[in-house]
C-alpha atoms as a PDB file:
ATOM      1  CA  UNK A   1     -47.144  23.478  60.414  1.00  0.00           C
ATOM      2  CA  UNK A   2     -50.389  25.193  61.365  1.00  0.00           C
ATOM      3  CA  UNK A   3     -53.805  23.587  61.145  1.00  0.00           C
ATOM      4  CA  UNK A   4     -54.763  25.956  58.326  1.00  0.00           C
ATOM      5  CA  UNK A   5     -51.636  25.027  56.328  1.00  0.00           C
ATOM      6  CA  UNK A   6     -52.305  21.307  56.850  1.00  0.00           C
ATOM      7  CA  UNK A   7     -55.890  21.709  55.687  1.00  0.00           C
ATOM      8  CA  UNK A   8     -54.804  23.685  52.615  1.00  0.00           C
ATOM      9  CA  UNK A   9     -52.207  21.006  51.797  1.00  0.00           C
ATOM     10  CA  UNK A  10     -54.836  18.284  52.043  1.00  0.00           C
ATOM     11  CA  UNK A  11     -57.344  20.206  49.910  1.00  0.00           C
ATOM     12  CA  UNK A  12     -54.811  21.038  47.224  1.00  0.00           C
ATOM     13  CA  UNK A  13     -54.337  24.266  45.349  1.00  0.00           C
ATOM     14  CA  UNK A  14     -57.379  24.083  43.073  1.00  0.00           C
ATOM     15  CA  UNK A  15     -59.790  26.888  43.942  1.00  0.00           C
ATOM     16  CA  UNK A  16     -63.181  25.780  45.188  1.00  0.00           C
ATOM     17  CA  UNK A  17     -66.262  27.199  43.517  1.00  0.00           C
ATOM     18  CA  UNK A  18     -67.880  29.955  45.548  1.00  0.00           C
ATOM     19  CA  UNK A  19     -71.368  29.217  44.282  1.00  0.00           C
ATOM     20  CA  UNK A  20     -73.667  26.325  43.473  1.00  0.00           C
ATOM     21  CA  UNK A  21     -74.524  27.969  40.157  1.00  0.00           C
ATOM     22  CA  UNK A  22     -75.215  25.344  37.523  1.00  0.00           C
ATOM     23  CA  UNK A  23     -76.726  25.396  34.069  1.00  0.00           C
ATOM     24  CA  UNK A  24     -80.474  25.765  33.997  1.00  0.00           C
ATOM     25  CA  UNK A  25     -82.605  24.013  31.430  1.00  0.00           C
ATOM     26  CA  UNK A  26     -85.659  25.526  29.799  1.00  0.00           C
ATOM     27  CA  UNK A  27     -88.853  23.857  31.032  1.00  0.00           C
ATOM     28  CA  UNK A  28     -92.531  24.388  30.263  1.00  0.00           C
ATOM     29  CA  UNK A  29     -94.442  22.219  32.737  1.00  0.00           C
ATOM     30  CA  UNK A  30     -97.588  23.301  34.554  1.00  0.00           C
ATOM     31  CA  UNK A  31     -97.282  23.155  38.351  1.00  0.00           C
ATOM     32  CA  UNK A  32     -99.095  24.206  41.528  1.00  0.00           C
ATOM     33  CA  UNK A  33     -97.389  26.395  44.147  1.00  0.00           C
ATOM     34  CA  UNK A  34     -98.724  26.136  47.707  1.00  0.00           C
ATOM     35  CA  UNK A  35     -97.874  28.021  50.877  1.00  0.00           C
ATOM     36  CA  UNK A  36     -97.989  26.723  54.421  1.00  0.00           C
ATOM     37  CA  UNK A  37    -100.839  29.193  55.039  1.00  0.00           C
ATOM     38  CA  UNK A  38    -103.140  27.492  52.531  1.00  0.00           C
ATOM     39  CA  UNK A  39    -102.600  29.772  49.539  1.00  0.00           C
ATOM     40  CA  UNK A  40    -102.342  28.034  46.190  1.00  0.00           C
ATOM     41  CA  UNK A  41    -101.713  29.150  42.612  1.00  0.00           C
ATOM     42  CA  UNK A  42    -101.284  27.562  39.217  1.00  0.00           C
ATOM     43  CA  UNK A  43     -97.860  28.318  37.772  1.00  0.00           C
ATOM     44  CA  UNK A  44     -95.599  27.416  34.887  1.00  0.00           C
ATOM     45  CA  UNK A  45     -92.006  26.240  35.045  1.00  0.00           C
ATOM     46  CA  UNK A  46     -89.737  28.545  33.096  1.00  0.00           C
ATOM     47  CA  UNK A  47     -86.431  26.822  33.797  1.00  0.00           C
ATOM     48  CA  UNK A  48     -85.024  24.261  36.212  1.00  0.00           C
ATOM     49  CA  UNK A  49     -81.755  22.989  37.674  1.00  0.00           C
ATOM     50  CA  UNK A  50     -80.954  20.474  40.385  1.00  0.00           C
ATOM     51  CA  UNK A  51     -80.972  23.297  42.972  1.00  0.00           C
ATOM     52  CA  UNK A  52     -84.057  25.271  42.024  1.00  0.00           C
ATOM     53  CA  UNK A  53     -86.293  26.679  39.345  1.00  0.00           C
ATOM     54  CA  UNK A  54     -87.829  29.808  37.924  1.00  0.00           C
ATOM     55  CA  UNK A  55     -91.604  29.860  37.839  1.00  0.00           C
ATOM     56  CA  UNK A  56     -94.171  32.211  36.363  1.00  0.00           C
ATOM     57  CA  UNK A  57     -97.197  32.713  38.608  1.00  0.00           C
ATOM     58  CA  UNK A  58     -99.878  35.248  39.462  1.00  0.00           C
ATOM     59  CA  UNK A  59     -99.563  34.873  43.227  1.00  0.00           C
ATOM     60  CA  UNK A  60     -99.643  38.190  45.079  1.00  0.00           C
ATOM     61  CA  UNK A  61     -99.375  36.309  48.381  1.00  0.00           C
ATOM     62  CA  UNK A  62     -95.876  35.049  47.572  1.00  0.00           C
ATOM     63  CA  UNK A  63     -93.007  36.749  49.459  1.00  0.00           C
ATOM     64  CA  UNK A  64     -89.220  36.424  49.471  1.00  0.00           C
ATOM     65  CA  UNK A  65     -88.086  34.025  52.176  1.00  0.00           C
ATOM     66  CA  UNK A  66     -91.409  32.163  52.172  1.00  0.00           C
ATOM     67  CA  UNK A  67     -91.373  28.374  52.211  1.00  0.00           C
ATOM     68  CA  UNK A  68     -93.529  26.843  49.487  1.00  0.00           C
ATOM     69  CA  UNK A  69     -94.379  23.435  48.144  1.00  0.00           C
ATOM     70  CA  UNK A  70     -94.123  22.987  44.393  1.00  0.00           C
ATOM     71  CA  UNK A  71     -96.426  20.234  43.178  1.00  0.00           C
ATOM     72  CA  UNK A  72     -94.929  18.849  39.984  1.00  0.00           C
ATOM     73  CA  UNK A  73     -97.428  16.012  39.616  1.00  0.00           C
ATOM     74  CA  UNK A  74    -100.116  14.235  41.626  1.00  0.00           C
ATOM     75  CA  UNK A  75     -97.465  12.217  43.474  1.00  0.00           C
ATOM     76  CA  UNK A  76     -94.417  14.538  43.477  1.00  0.00           C
ATOM     77  CA  UNK A  77     -93.901  17.746  45.465  1.00  0.00           C
ATOM     78  CA  UNK A  78     -90.701  19.606  46.261  1.00  0.00           C
ATOM     79  CA  UNK A  79     -90.206  21.918  49.231  1.00  0.00           C
ATOM     80  CA  UNK A  80     -88.517  25.209  48.367  1.00  0.00           C
ATOM     81  CA  UNK A  81     -87.824  28.737  49.552  1.00  0.00           C
ATOM     82  CA  UNK A  82     -88.652  31.804  47.479  1.00  0.00           C
ATOM     83  CA  UNK A  83     -85.398  33.694  46.823  1.00  0.00           C
ATOM     84  CA  UNK A  84     -86.608  36.507  44.548  1.00  0.00           C
ATOM     85  CA  UNK A  85     -89.775  37.832  42.904  1.00  0.00           C
ATOM     86  CA  UNK A  86     -90.009  40.147  39.898  1.00  0.00           C
ATOM     87  CA  UNK A  87     -92.929  40.940  37.532  1.00  0.00           C
ATOM     88  CA  UNK A  88     -94.834  37.665  37.976  1.00  0.00           C
ATOM     89  CA  UNK A  89     -91.665  35.570  37.901  1.00  0.00           C
ATOM     90  CA  UNK A  90     -89.920  34.126  40.924  1.00  0.00           C
ATOM     91  CA  UNK A  91     -86.841  32.088  41.674  1.00  0.00           C
ATOM     92  CA  UNK A  92     -87.070  29.305  44.210  1.00  0.00           C
ATOM     93  CA  UNK A  93     -84.337  27.202  45.745  1.00  0.00           C
ATOM     94  CA  UNK A  94     -85.165  23.588  46.548  1.00  0.00           C
ATOM     95  CA  UNK A  95     -84.527  22.659  50.182  1.00  0.00           C
ATOM     96  CA  UNK A  96     -82.851  19.506  48.857  1.00  0.00           C
ATOM     97  CA  UNK A  97     -81.260  19.216  45.448  1.00  0.00           C
ATOM     98  CA  UNK A  98     -83.127  16.938  43.065  1.00  0.00           C
ATOM     99  CA  UNK A  99     -81.344  14.255  41.024  1.00  0.00           C
ATOM    100  CA  UNK A 100     -79.983  15.469  37.695  1.00  0.00           C
ATOM    101  CA  UNK A 101     -82.057  12.879  35.842  1.00  0.00           C
ATOM    102  CA  UNK A 102     -85.240  14.255  37.415  1.00  0.00           C
ATOM    103  CA  UNK A 103     -84.345  17.822  36.420  1.00  0.00           C
ATOM    104  CA  UNK A 104     -83.619  16.585  32.875  1.00  0.00           C
ATOM    105  CA  UNK A 105     -86.965  14.774  32.732  1.00  0.00           C
ATOM    106  CA  UNK A 106     -88.887  17.813  33.964  1.00  0.00           C
ATOM    107  CA  UNK A 107     -87.130  20.031  31.436  1.00  0.00           C
ATOM    108  CA  UNK A 108     -87.771  17.592  28.583  1.00  0.00           C
ATOM    109  CA  UNK A 109     -91.360  16.648  29.311  1.00  0.00           C
ATOM    110  CA  UNK A 110     -92.717  19.249  31.699  1.00  0.00           C
ATOM    111  CA  UNK A 111     -94.458  18.217  34.871  1.00  0.00           C
END
């Protein structure tokens, strides 16, 4: 038996998901987006999941692939990477997934 066959036998026949896509929850919290270069902008959460969020911001300095810090409150910031930007809206992926309870709380109560 080959290594690949042994691995497939151990993993089973259930297909693995090809994406981390999860349900996003609508959110309306006010946040601050900051770049490593010192740029900062007020923004609004549009939706959130454990892996990332969609924010609405007037930040012409923001670029795809840029690392940003999203300040959710005075004591909580999340590091993220900008994945897409379109018409004042952008999608960011958190560098580390946040706990589901935290995403639920942010969606329910805002930042």
